[in-house]
Amino acid sequence: MPRSIQEILDHADELAKRFEDYEPSPGDERPVEEYLLHRAALARARSEQQVIDAIVAARAAGTSWQKIGTILGTSAQAAQQRYGPVVEPA
């Protein structure tokens, strides 16, 4: 539903006030090292999902486990053991 310019400005003012009035509690803060670790874990999960998606597409196109293993830097057997149950459920 479209909103008027005034509604958008009012909402922006409301958000600005919430940011200005915000007072962090001790539990809101975390060490930089924990933040970086969290970001790294999320990046790894996204990368793993990209690999799975690519393997699904490759297998659908007829790519062998041997070729997939080579691309991943492992053996065909290791690739199939790791990703087979995920990309080719029984």
Protein backbone atom coordinates (compact mmCIF):
# COMPACT_ATOMS: atom_id res chain seq x y z
CA MET A 1 0.00 0.00 0.00
CA PRO A 2 1.58 3.31 -1.04
CA ARG A 3 2.28 5.80 1.69
CA SER A 4 2.29 9.54 1.46
CA ILE A 5 5.47 11.53 1.71
CA GLN A 6 4.27 12.87 5.04
CA GLU A 7 3.76 9.34 6.41
CA ILE A 8 7.27 8.40 5.31
CA LEU A 9 8.74 11.53 6.93
CA ASP A 10 6.77 10.91 10.14
CA HIS A 11 8.07 7.36 10.26
CA ALA A 12 11.63 8.57 9.66
CA ASP A 13 11.26 11.05 12.53
CA GLU A 14 9.96 8.27 14.78
CA LEU A 15 12.92 6.04 13.92
CA ALA A 16 15.38 8.90 14.45
CA LYS A 17 13.90 9.57 17.89
CA ARG A 18 14.17 5.89 18.82
CA PHE A 19 17.86 5.89 17.82
CA GLU A 20 18.54 9.12 19.69
CA ASP A 21 16.78 7.88 22.85
CA TYR A 22 18.39 4.44 22.82
CA GLU A 23 20.46 3.59 25.87
CA PRO A 24 22.39 0.33 25.54
CA SER A 25 22.27 -2.12 28.39
CA PRO A 26 25.36 -4.10 29.41
CA GLY A 27 24.01 -7.18 27.64
CA ASP A 28 23.76 -5.31 24.31
CA GLU A 29 27.50 -4.98 23.92
CA ARG A 30 29.85 -7.76 22.92
CA PRO A 31 33.57 -7.89 22.28
CA VAL A 32 34.78 -7.21 18.77
CA GLU A 33 36.32 -10.68 18.66
CA GLU A 34 32.92 -12.30 19.26
CA TYR A 35 31.34 -10.12 16.58
CA LEU A 36 34.06 -11.08 14.08
CA LEU A 37 33.68 -14.76 14.94
CA HIS A 38 29.91 -14.51 14.42
CA ARG A 39 30.42 -12.84 11.03
CA ALA A 40 32.94 -15.50 10.00
CA ALA A 41 30.57 -18.30 11.00
CA LEU A 42 27.75 -16.72 8.96
CA ALA A 43 30.05 -16.29 5.96
CA ARG A 44 31.11 -19.94 6.21
CA ALA A 45 27.47 -21.08 6.35
CA ARG A 46 26.62 -18.97 3.29
CA SER A 47 29.63 -20.35 1.43
CA GLU A 48 28.70 -23.92 2.31
CA GLN A 49 25.17 -23.30 1.01
CA GLN A 50 26.65 -21.95 -2.24
CA VAL A 51 28.74 -25.11 -2.60
CA ILE A 52 25.67 -27.29 -2.00
CA ASP A 53 23.61 -25.31 -4.52
CA ALA A 54 26.41 -25.60 -7.09
CA ILE A 55 26.73 -29.35 -6.52
CA VAL A 56 22.97 -29.80 -6.90
CA ALA A 57 23.13 -27.96 -10.23
CA ALA A 58 26.24 -29.86 -11.33
CA ARG A 59 24.71 -33.24 -10.50
CA ALA A 60 21.47 -32.26 -12.29
CA ALA A 61 23.61 -31.44 -15.34
CA GLY A 62 25.30 -34.84 -15.14
CA THR A 63 28.63 -33.85 -13.62
CA SER A 64 30.37 -36.86 -12.11
CA TRP A 65 31.37 -37.15 -8.49
CA GLN A 66 34.94 -37.55 -9.75
CA LYS A 67 34.84 -34.11 -11.39
CA ILE A 68 33.12 -32.56 -8.35
CA GLY A 69 35.75 -34.06 -6.06
CA THR A 70 38.54 -32.72 -8.25
CA ILE A 71 37.03 -29.21 -8.22
CA LEU A 72 36.61 -29.36 -4.44
CA GLY A 73 40.16 -30.64 -3.99
CA THR A 74 39.14 -34.02 -2.65
CA SER A 75 38.38 -37.51 -3.91
CA ALA A 76 35.14 -38.49 -5.62
CA GLN A 77 34.33 -40.76 -2.69
CA ALA A 78 34.91 -38.01 -0.10
CA ALA A 79 32.76 -35.54 -2.07
CA GLN A 80 29.97 -38.07 -2.46
CA GLN A 81 30.09 -39.07 1.21
CA ARG A 82 30.00 -35.42 2.30
CA TYR A 83 27.44 -34.03 -0.14
CA GLY A 84 25.61 -37.03 -1.57
CA PRO A 85 23.07 -37.33 1.25
CA VAL A 86 22.38 -33.60 1.04
CA VAL A 87 22.08 -33.23 -2.72
CA GLU A 88 20.65 -36.65 -3.57
CA PRO A 89 18.37 -37.62 -0.66
CA ALA A 90 17.24 -41.23 -0.69
